């Protein structure tokens, strides 16, 4: 049985969501913790100042899922920082 975990991120309206999905897929594909099943990013909410991004990923056990969620969170934050810098 697989376990599915969630990561929420806040971003501004200028965030290139489709490119961020591509980065998420890259992060999942390169992680030994991902079981090859669920790797998804959607805009789940918005306010007058930001959008809320919901990431769901899957792993085969709780330890791998925790590590994968941390990897994805850190990787997407780093990607956002690089993207904001114009890289």
PDB file of N, CA and C in Angstrom:
ATOM      1  N   UNK A   1       0.832  -1.205   0.000  1.00  0.00           N
ATOM      2  CA  UNK A   1       0.000   0.000   0.000  1.00  0.00           C
ATOM      3  C   UNK A   1       0.866   1.255   0.000  1.00  0.00           C
ATOM      4  N   UNK A   2       0.447   2.252  -0.749  1.00  0.00           N
ATOM      5  CA  UNK A   2       1.194   3.502  -0.792  1.00  0.00           C
ATOM      6  C   UNK A   2       0.622   4.514   0.185  1.00  0.00           C
ATOM      7  N   UNK A   3       1.462   5.414   0.611  1.00  0.00           N
ATOM      8  CA  UNK A   3       1.047   6.527   1.460  1.00  0.00           C
ATOM      9  C   UNK A   3       1.141   7.799   0.644  1.00  0.00           C
ATOM     10  N   UNK A   4       0.182   8.698   0.835  1.00  0.00           N
ATOM     11  CA  UNK A   4       0.165   9.974   0.117  1.00  0.00           C
ATOM     12  C   UNK A   4       0.278  11.100   1.123  1.00  0.00           C
ATOM     13  N   UNK A   5       1.184  12.033   0.844  1.00  0.00           N
ATOM     14  CA  UNK A   5       1.391  13.178   1.712  1.00  0.00           C
ATOM     15  C   UNK A   5       1.202  14.475   0.957  1.00  0.00           C
ATOM     16  N   UNK A   6       1.015  15.535   1.704  1.00  0.00           N
ATOM     17  CA  UNK A   6       0.708  16.842   1.130  1.00  0.00           C
ATOM     18  C   UNK A   6       1.711  17.883   1.598  1.00  0.00           C
ATOM     19  N   UNK A   7       2.022  18.795   0.698  1.00  0.00           N
ATOM     20  CA  UNK A   7       2.839  19.972   0.995  1.00  0.00           C
ATOM     21  C   UNK A   7       2.053  21.174   0.489  1.00  0.00           C
ATOM     22  N   UNK A   8       1.915  22.200   1.320  1.00  0.00           N
ATOM     23  CA  UNK A   8       1.271  23.446   0.904  1.00  0.00           C
ATOM     24  C   UNK A   8       2.320  24.543   0.820  1.00  0.00           C
ATOM     25  N   UNK A   9       2.242  25.342  -0.234  1.00  0.00           N
ATOM     26  CA  UNK A   9       3.124  26.482  -0.412  1.00  0.00           C
ATOM     27  C   UNK A   9       2.289  27.696  -0.787  1.00  0.00           C
ATOM     28  N   UNK A  10       2.709  28.863  -0.332  1.00  0.00           N
ATOM     29  CA  UNK A  10       2.101  30.130  -0.729  1.00  0.00           C
ATOM     30  C   UNK A  10       3.013  30.768  -1.764  1.00  0.00           C
ATOM     31  N   UNK A  11       2.427  31.309  -2.805  1.00  0.00           N
ATOM     32  CA  UNK A  11       3.216  31.961  -3.848  1.00  0.00           C
ATOM     33  C   UNK A  11       2.433  33.154  -4.390  1.00  0.00           C
ATOM     34  N   UNK A  12       3.135  34.024  -5.113  1.00  0.00           N
ATOM     35  CA  UNK A  12       2.420  35.171  -5.675  1.00  0.00           C
ATOM     36  C   UNK A  12       1.796  34.802  -7.020  1.00  0.00           C
ATOM     37  N   UNK A  13       0.982  35.694  -7.525  1.00  0.00           N
ATOM     38  CA  UNK A  13       0.229  35.434  -8.745  1.00  0.00           C
ATOM     39  C   UNK A  13       1.124  35.294  -9.975  1.00  0.00           C
ATOM     40  N   UNK A  14       2.328  35.791  -9.912  1.00  0.00           N
ATOM     41  CA  UNK A  14       3.243  35.712 -11.052  1.00  0.00           C
ATOM     42  C   UNK A  14       3.967  34.373 -11.148  1.00  0.00           C
ATOM     43  N   UNK A  15       3.778  33.505 -10.188  1.00  0.00           N
ATOM     44  CA  UNK A  15       4.456  32.207 -10.190  1.00  0.00           C
ATOM     45  C   UNK A  15       4.059  31.404 -11.424  1.00  0.00           C
ATOM     46  N   UNK A  16       5.050  30.932 -12.184  1.00  0.00           N
ATOM     47  CA  UNK A  16       4.746  30.130 -13.376  1.00  0.00           C
ATOM     48  C   UNK A  16       4.376  28.694 -12.971  1.00  0.00           C
ATOM     49  N   UNK A  17       3.107  28.465 -12.756  1.00  0.00           N
ATOM     50  CA  UNK A  17       2.632  27.204 -12.179  1.00  0.00           C
ATOM     51  C   UNK A  17       3.012  26.004 -13.045  1.00  0.00           C
ATOM     52  N   UNK A  18       2.877  26.114 -14.342  1.00  0.00           N
ATOM     53  CA  UNK A  18       3.203  24.966 -15.201  1.00  0.00           C
ATOM     54  C   UNK A  18       4.686  24.622 -15.119  1.00  0.00           C
ATOM     55  N   UNK A  19       5.542  25.623 -15.087  1.00  0.00           N
ATOM     56  CA  UNK A  19       6.988  25.361 -14.923  1.00  0.00           C
ATOM     57  C   UNK A  19       7.277  24.770 -13.551  1.00  0.00           C
ATOM     58  N   UNK A  20       6.521  25.198 -12.554  1.00  0.00           N
ATOM     59  CA  UNK A  20       6.696  24.641 -11.221  1.00  0.00           C
ATOM     60  C   UNK A  20       6.284  23.156 -11.196  1.00  0.00           C
ATOM     61  N   UNK A  21       5.237  22.807 -11.937  1.00  0.00           N
ATOM     62  CA  UNK A  21       4.850  21.396 -12.070  1.00  0.00           C
ATOM     63  C   UNK A  21       5.985  20.584 -12.681  1.00  0.00           C
ATOM     64  N   UNK A  22       6.619  21.151 -13.686  1.00  0.00           N
ATOM     65  CA  UNK A  22       7.754  20.467 -14.312  1.00  0.00           C
ATOM     66  C   UNK A  22       8.874  20.240 -13.310  1.00  0.00           C
ATOM     67  N   UNK A  23       9.137  21.231 -12.476  1.00  0.00           N
ATOM     68  CA  UNK A  23      10.171  21.080 -11.445  1.00  0.00           C
ATOM     69  C   UNK A  23       9.767  20.028 -10.420  1.00  0.00           C
ATOM     70  N   UNK A  24       8.512  20.018 -10.030  1.00  0.00           N
ATOM     71  CA  UNK A  24       8.042  18.991  -9.105  1.00  0.00           C
ATOM     72  C   UNK A  24       8.252  17.602  -9.705  1.00  0.00           C
ATOM     73  N   UNK A  25       7.897  17.428 -10.970  1.00  0.00           N
ATOM     74  CA  UNK A  25       8.095  16.129 -11.617  1.00  0.00           C
ATOM     75  C   UNK A  25       9.564  15.735 -11.627  1.00  0.00           C
ATOM     76  N   UNK A  26      10.448  16.698 -11.872  1.00  0.00           N
ATOM     77  CA  UNK A  26      11.882  16.421 -11.849  1.00  0.00           C
ATOM     78  C   UNK A  26      12.319  15.985 -10.451  1.00  0.00           C
ATOM     79  N   UNK A  27      11.821  16.704  -9.437  1.00  0.00           N
ATOM     80  CA  UNK A  27      12.178  16.365  -8.056  1.00  0.00           C
ATOM     81  C   UNK A  27      11.711  14.952  -7.699  1.00  0.00           C
ATOM     82  N   UNK A  28      10.489  14.615  -8.070  1.00  0.00           N
ATOM     83  CA  UNK A  28       9.975  13.276  -7.784  1.00  0.00           C
ATOM     84  C   UNK A  28      10.783  12.222  -8.525  1.00  0.00           C
ATOM     85  N   UNK A  29      11.018  12.452  -9.811  1.00  0.00           N
ATOM     86  CA  UNK A  29      11.744  11.477 -10.631  1.00  0.00           C
ATOM     87  C   UNK A  29      13.142  11.176 -10.104  1.00  0.00           C
ATOM     88  N   UNK A  30      13.778  12.158  -9.490  1.00  0.00           N
ATOM     89  CA  UNK A  30      15.152  11.971  -9.019  1.00  0.00           C
ATOM     90  C   UNK A  30      15.241  11.544  -7.559  1.00  0.00           C
ATOM     91  N   UNK A  31      14.116  11.440  -6.875  1.00  0.00           N
ATOM     92  CA  UNK A  31      14.132  11.073  -5.462  1.00  0.00           C
ATOM     93  C   UNK A  31      14.023   9.558  -5.284  1.00  0.00           C
ATOM     94  N   UNK A  32      14.922   8.982  -4.491  1.00  0.00           N
ATOM     95  CA  UNK A  32      14.807   7.551  -4.183  1.00  0.00           C
ATOM     96  C   UNK A  32      13.625   7.244  -3.260  1.00  0.00           C
ATOM     97  N   UNK A  33      13.023   8.275  -2.693  1.00  0.00           N
ATOM     98  CA  UNK A  33      11.900   8.087  -1.773  1.00  0.00           C
ATOM     99  C   UNK A  33      10.550   7.992  -2.476  1.00  0.00           C
ATOM    100  N   UNK A  34      10.488   8.454  -3.713  1.00  0.00           N
ATOM    101  CA  UNK A  34       9.221   8.441  -4.457  1.00  0.00           C
ATOM    102  C   UNK A  34       8.965   7.056  -5.021  1.00  0.00           C
ATOM    103  N   UNK A  35       7.730   6.592  -4.948  1.00  0.00           N
ATOM    104  CA  UNK A  35       7.400   5.247  -5.432  1.00  0.00           C
ATOM    105  C   UNK A  35       6.874   5.229  -6.869  1.00  0.00           C
ATOM    106  N   UNK A  36       6.918   6.354  -7.557  1.00  0.00           N
ATOM    107  CA  UNK A  36       6.508   6.401  -8.955  1.00  0.00           C
ATOM    108  C   UNK A  36       5.015   6.543  -9.187  1.00  0.00           C
ATOM    109  N   UNK A  37       4.246   6.808  -8.150  1.00  0.00           N
ATOM    110  CA  UNK A  37       2.795   6.858  -8.284  1.00  0.00           C
ATOM    111  C   UNK A  37       2.248   8.289  -8.338  1.00  0.00           C
ATOM    112  N   UNK A  38       2.148   8.958  -7.218  1.00  0.00           N
ATOM    113  CA  UNK A  38       1.502  10.264  -7.141  1.00  0.00           C
ATOM    114  C   UNK A  38       2.529  11.379  -7.039  1.00  0.00           C
ATOM    115  N   UNK A  39       2.418  12.353  -7.933  1.00  0.00           N
ATOM    116  CA  UNK A  39       3.279  13.539  -7.942  1.00  0.00           C
ATOM    117  C   UNK A  39       2.465  14.618  -8.644  1.00  0.00           C
ATOM    118  N   UNK A  40       1.798  15.464  -7.873  1.00  0.00           N
ATOM    119  CA  UNK A  40       0.811  16.381  -8.447  1.00  0.00           C
ATOM    120  C   UNK A  40       0.880  17.745  -7.763  1.00  0.00           C
ATOM    121  N   UNK A  41       0.671  18.788  -8.552  1.00  0.00           N
ATOM    122  CA  UNK A  41       0.625  20.150  -8.030  1.00  0.00           C
ATOM    123  C   UNK A  41      -0.607  20.834  -8.603  1.00  0.00           C
ATOM    124  N   UNK A  42      -1.410  21.425  -7.712  1.00  0.00           N
ATOM    125  CA  UNK A  42      -2.577  22.198  -8.138  1.00  0.00           C
ATOM    126  C   UNK A  42      -2.628  23.505  -7.354  1.00  0.00           C
ATOM    127  N   UNK A  43      -3.296  24.491  -7.922  1.00  0.00           N
ATOM    128  CA  UNK A  43      -3.599  25.719  -7.191  1.00  0.00           C
ATOM    129  C   UNK A  43      -4.898  25.444  -6.451  1.00  0.00           C
ATOM    130  N   UNK A  44      -4.801  25.330  -5.135  1.00  0.00           N
ATOM    131  CA  UNK A  44      -5.964  24.919  -4.356  1.00  0.00           C
ATOM    132  C   UNK A  44      -6.753  26.072  -3.755  1.00  0.00           C
ATOM    133  N   UNK A  45      -6.148  27.264  -3.727  1.00  0.00           N
ATOM    134  CA  UNK A  45      -6.848  28.405  -3.146  1.00  0.00           C
ATOM    135  C   UNK A  45      -6.117  29.680  -3.542  1.00  0.00           C
ATOM    136  N   UNK A  46      -6.741  30.800  -3.235  1.00  0.00           N
ATOM    137  CA  UNK A  46      -6.108  32.089  -3.471  1.00  0.00           C
ATOM    138  C   UNK A  46      -6.706  33.122  -2.529  1.00  0.00           C
ATOM    139  N   UNK A  47      -5.943  34.156  -2.307  1.00  0.00           N
ATOM    140  CA  UNK A  47      -6.423  35.298  -1.530  1.00  0.00           C
ATOM    141  C   UNK A  47      -6.166  36.534  -2.373  1.00  0.00           C
ATOM    142  N   UNK A  48      -6.335  37.687  -1.779  1.00  0.00           N
ATOM    143  CA  UNK A  48      -6.056  38.911  -2.528  1.00  0.00           C
ATOM    144  C   UNK A  48      -4.560  39.139  -2.709  1.00  0.00           C
ATOM    145  N   UNK A  49      -3.724  38.347  -2.015  1.00  0.00           N
ATOM    146  CA  UNK A  49      -2.283  38.552  -2.067  1.00  0.00           C
ATOM    147  C   UNK A  49      -1.477  37.378  -2.605  1.00  0.00           C
ATOM    148  N   UNK A  50      -2.034  36.164  -2.582  1.00  0.00           N
ATOM    149  CA  UNK A  50      -1.232  34.995  -2.927  1.00  0.00           C
ATOM    150  C   UNK A  50      -2.109  33.838  -3.405  1.00  0.00           C
ATOM    151  N   UNK A  51      -1.447  32.870  -4.020  1.00  0.00           N
ATOM    152  CA  UNK A  51      -2.103  31.612  -4.351  1.00  0.00           C
ATOM    153  C   UNK A  51      -1.572  30.535  -3.410  1.00  0.00           C
ATOM    154  N   UNK A  52      -2.385  29.533  -3.158  1.00  0.00           N
ATOM    155  CA  UNK A  52      -1.973  28.396  -2.351  1.00  0.00           C
ATOM    156  C   UNK A  52      -1.783  27.211  -3.284  1.00  0.00           C
ATOM    157  N   UNK A  53      -0.598  26.642  -3.247  1.00  0.00           N
ATOM    158  CA  UNK A  53      -0.274  25.491  -4.071  1.00  0.00           C
ATOM    159  C   UNK A  53      -0.310  24.241  -3.200  1.00  0.00           C
ATOM    160  N   UNK A  54      -1.004  23.222  -3.684  1.00  0.00           N
ATOM    161  CA  UNK A  54      -1.091  21.956  -2.962  1.00  0.00           C
ATOM    162  C   UNK A  54      -0.352  20.904  -3.775  1.00  0.00           C
ATOM    163  N   UNK A  55       0.652  20.322  -3.142  1.00  0.00           N
ATOM    164  CA  UNK A  55       1.445  19.269  -3.758  1.00  0.00           C
ATOM    165  C   UNK A  55       1.103  17.961  -3.066  1.00  0.00           C
ATOM    166  N   UNK A  56       0.837  16.922  -3.847  1.00  0.00           N
ATOM    167  CA  UNK A  56       0.643  15.587  -3.277  1.00  0.00           C
ATOM    168  C   UNK A  56       1.665  14.653  -3.901  1.00  0.00           C
ATOM    169  N   UNK A  57       2.282  13.862  -3.032  1.00  0.00           N
ATOM    170  CA  UNK A  57       3.298  12.900  -3.447  1.00  0.00           C
ATOM    171  C   UNK A  57       3.072  11.594  -2.696  1.00  0.00           C
ATOM    172  N   UNK A  58       3.625  10.509  -3.236  1.00  0.00           N
ATOM    173  CA  UNK A  58       3.425   9.217  -2.590  1.00  0.00           C
ATOM    174  C   UNK A  58       4.749   8.489  -2.391  1.00  0.00           C
ATOM    175  N   UNK A  59       4.737   7.626  -1.383  1.00  0.00           N
ATOM    176  CA  UNK A  59       5.894   6.796  -1.056  1.00  0.00           C
ATOM    177  C   UNK A  59       5.386   5.482  -0.470  1.00  0.00           C
ATOM    178  N   UNK A  60       6.290   4.547  -0.323  1.00  0.00           N
ATOM    179  CA  UNK A  60       5.897   3.216   0.146  1.00  0.00           C
ATOM    180  C   UNK A  60       5.794   3.086   1.663  1.00  0.00           C
ATOM    181  N   UNK A  61       6.454   3.981   2.407  1.00  0.00           N
ATOM    182  CA  UNK A  61       6.334   3.918   3.864  1.00  0.00           C
ATOM    183  C   UNK A  61       6.431   5.318   4.459  1.00  0.00           C
ATOM    184  N   UNK A  62       6.118   5.422   5.735  1.00  0.00           N
ATOM    185  CA  UNK A  62       6.016   6.727   6.400  1.00  0.00           C
ATOM    186  C   UNK A  62       7.348   7.477   6.427  1.00  0.00           C
ATOM    187  N   UNK A  63       8.444   6.772   6.656  1.00  0.00           N
ATOM    188  CA  UNK A  63       9.751   7.442   6.698  1.00  0.00           C
ATOM    189  C   UNK A  63      10.103   8.037   5.338  1.00  0.00           C
ATOM    190  N   UNK A  64       9.892   7.256   4.275  1.00  0.00           N
ATOM    191  CA  UNK A  64      10.180   7.764   2.930  1.00  0.00           C
ATOM    192  C   UNK A  64       9.255   8.923   2.571  1.00  0.00           C
ATOM    193  N   UNK A  65       8.002   8.847   2.985  1.00  0.00           N
ATOM    194  CA  UNK A  65       7.063   9.916   2.689  1.00  0.00           C
ATOM    195  C   UNK A  65       7.471  11.209   3.389  1.00  0.00           C
ATOM    196  N   UNK A  66       7.876  11.116   4.641  1.00  0.00           N
ATOM    197  CA  UNK A  66       8.317  12.313   5.361  1.00  0.00           C
ATOM    198  C   UNK A  66       9.507  12.941   4.654  1.00  0.00           C
ATOM    199  N   UNK A  67      10.499  12.113   4.308  1.00  0.00           N
ATOM    200  CA  UNK A  67      11.686  12.632   3.630  1.00  0.00           C
ATOM    201  C   UNK A  67      11.331  13.226   2.270  1.00  0.00           C
ATOM    202  N   UNK A  68      10.450  12.569   1.526  1.00  0.00           N
ATOM    203  CA  UNK A  68      10.043  13.074   0.225  1.00  0.00           C
ATOM    204  C   UNK A  68       9.338  14.419   0.348  1.00  0.00           C
ATOM    205  N   UNK A  69       8.447  14.549   1.307  1.00  0.00           N
ATOM    206  CA  UNK A  69       7.757  15.822   1.509  1.00  0.00           C
ATOM    207  C   UNK A  69       8.759  16.931   1.814  1.00  0.00           C
ATOM    208  N   UNK A  70       9.752  16.649   2.643  1.00  0.00           N
ATOM    209  CA  UNK A  70      10.783  17.649   2.958  1.00  0.00           C
ATOM    210  C   UNK A  70      11.601  17.993   1.714  1.00  0.00           C
ATOM    211  N   UNK A  71      12.008  16.976   0.942  1.00  0.00           N
ATOM    212  CA  UNK A  71      12.768  17.206  -0.289  1.00  0.00           C
ATOM    213  C   UNK A  71      11.992  18.089  -1.259  1.00  0.00           C
ATOM    214  N   UNK A  72      10.715  17.778  -1.441  1.00  0.00           N
ATOM    215  CA  UNK A  72       9.884  18.529  -2.364  1.00  0.00           C
ATOM    216  C   UNK A  72       9.708  19.963  -1.883  1.00  0.00           C
ATOM    217  N   UNK A  73       9.425  20.136  -0.610  1.00  0.00           N
ATOM    218  CA  UNK A  73       9.246  21.496  -0.058  1.00  0.00           C
ATOM    219  C   UNK A  73      10.517  22.312  -0.261  1.00  0.00           C
ATOM    220  N   UNK A  74      11.652  21.768   0.140  1.00  0.00           N
ATOM    221  CA  UNK A  74      12.923  22.490   0.013  1.00  0.00           C
ATOM    222  C   UNK A  74      13.274  22.732  -1.453  1.00  0.00           C
ATOM    223  N   UNK A  75      13.041  21.743  -2.302  1.00  0.00           N
ATOM    224  CA  UNK A  75      13.358  21.884  -3.718  1.00  0.00           C
ATOM    225  C   UNK A  75      12.516  22.938  -4.405  1.00  0.00           C
ATOM    226  N   UNK A  76      11.224  22.974  -4.095  1.00  0.00           N
ATOM    227  CA  UNK A  76      10.359  23.977  -4.713  1.00  0.00           C
ATOM    228  C   UNK A  76      10.647  25.378  -4.188  1.00  0.00           C
ATOM    229  N   UNK A  77      11.002  25.493  -2.918  1.00  0.00           N
ATOM    230  CA  UNK A  77      11.387  26.801  -2.381  1.00  0.00           C
ATOM    231  C   UNK A  77      12.656  27.290  -3.082  1.00  0.00           C
ATOM    232  N   UNK A  78      13.636  26.409  -3.245  1.00  0.00           N
ATOM    233  CA  UNK A  78      14.870  26.790  -3.948  1.00  0.00           C
ATOM    234  C   UNK A  78      14.561  27.184  -5.388  1.00  0.00           C
ATOM    235  N   UNK A  79      13.669  26.433  -6.048  1.00  0.00           N
ATOM    236  CA  UNK A  79      13.281  26.752  -7.423  1.00  0.00           C
ATOM    237  C   UNK A  79      12.601  28.120  -7.489  1.00  0.00           C
ATOM    238  N   UNK A  80      11.697  28.394  -6.547  1.00  0.00           N
ATOM    239  CA  UNK A  80      11.043  29.705  -6.506  1.00  0.00           C
ATOM    240  C   UNK A  80      12.061  30.823  -6.332  1.00  0.00           C
ATOM    241  N   UNK A  81      13.037  30.617  -5.474  1.00  0.00           N
ATOM    242  CA  UNK A  81      14.066  31.637  -5.271  1.00  0.00           C
ATOM    243  C   UNK A  81      14.880  31.864  -6.540  1.00  0.00           C
ATOM    244  N   UNK A  82      15.233  30.782  -7.236  1.00  0.00           N
ATOM    245  CA  UNK A  82      15.970  30.926  -8.498  1.00  0.00           C
ATOM    246  C   UNK A  82      15.098  31.613  -9.543  1.00  0.00           C
ATOM    247  N   UNK A  83      13.829  31.259  -9.598  1.00  0.00           N
ATOM    248  CA  UNK A  83      12.911  31.845 -10.565  1.00  0.00           C
ATOM    249  C   UNK A  83      12.716  33.322 -10.298  1.00  0.00           C
ATOM    250  N   UNK A  84      12.585  33.698  -9.013  1.00  0.00           N
ATOM    251  CA  UNK A  84      12.436  35.108  -8.656  1.00  0.00           C
ATOM    252  C   UNK A  84      13.668  35.924  -9.018  1.00  0.00           C
ATOM    253  N   UNK A  85      14.836  35.265  -9.008  1.00  0.00           N
ATOM    254  CA  UNK A  85      16.066  35.961  -9.364  1.00  0.00           C
ATOM    255  C   UNK A  85      16.280  36.069 -10.867  1.00  0.00           C
ATOM    256  N   UNK A  86      15.348  35.480 -11.635  1.00  0.00           N
ATOM    257  CA  UNK A  86      15.468  35.556 -13.086  1.00  0.00           C
ATOM    258  C   UNK A  86      16.294  34.445 -13.692  1.00  0.00           C
ATOM    259  N   UNK A  87      16.651  33.439 -12.914  1.00  0.00           N
ATOM    260  CA  UNK A  87      17.466  32.319 -13.424  1.00  0.00           C
ATOM    261  C   UNK A  87      16.613  31.204 -13.967  1.00  0.00           C
TER     262      UNK A  87
END
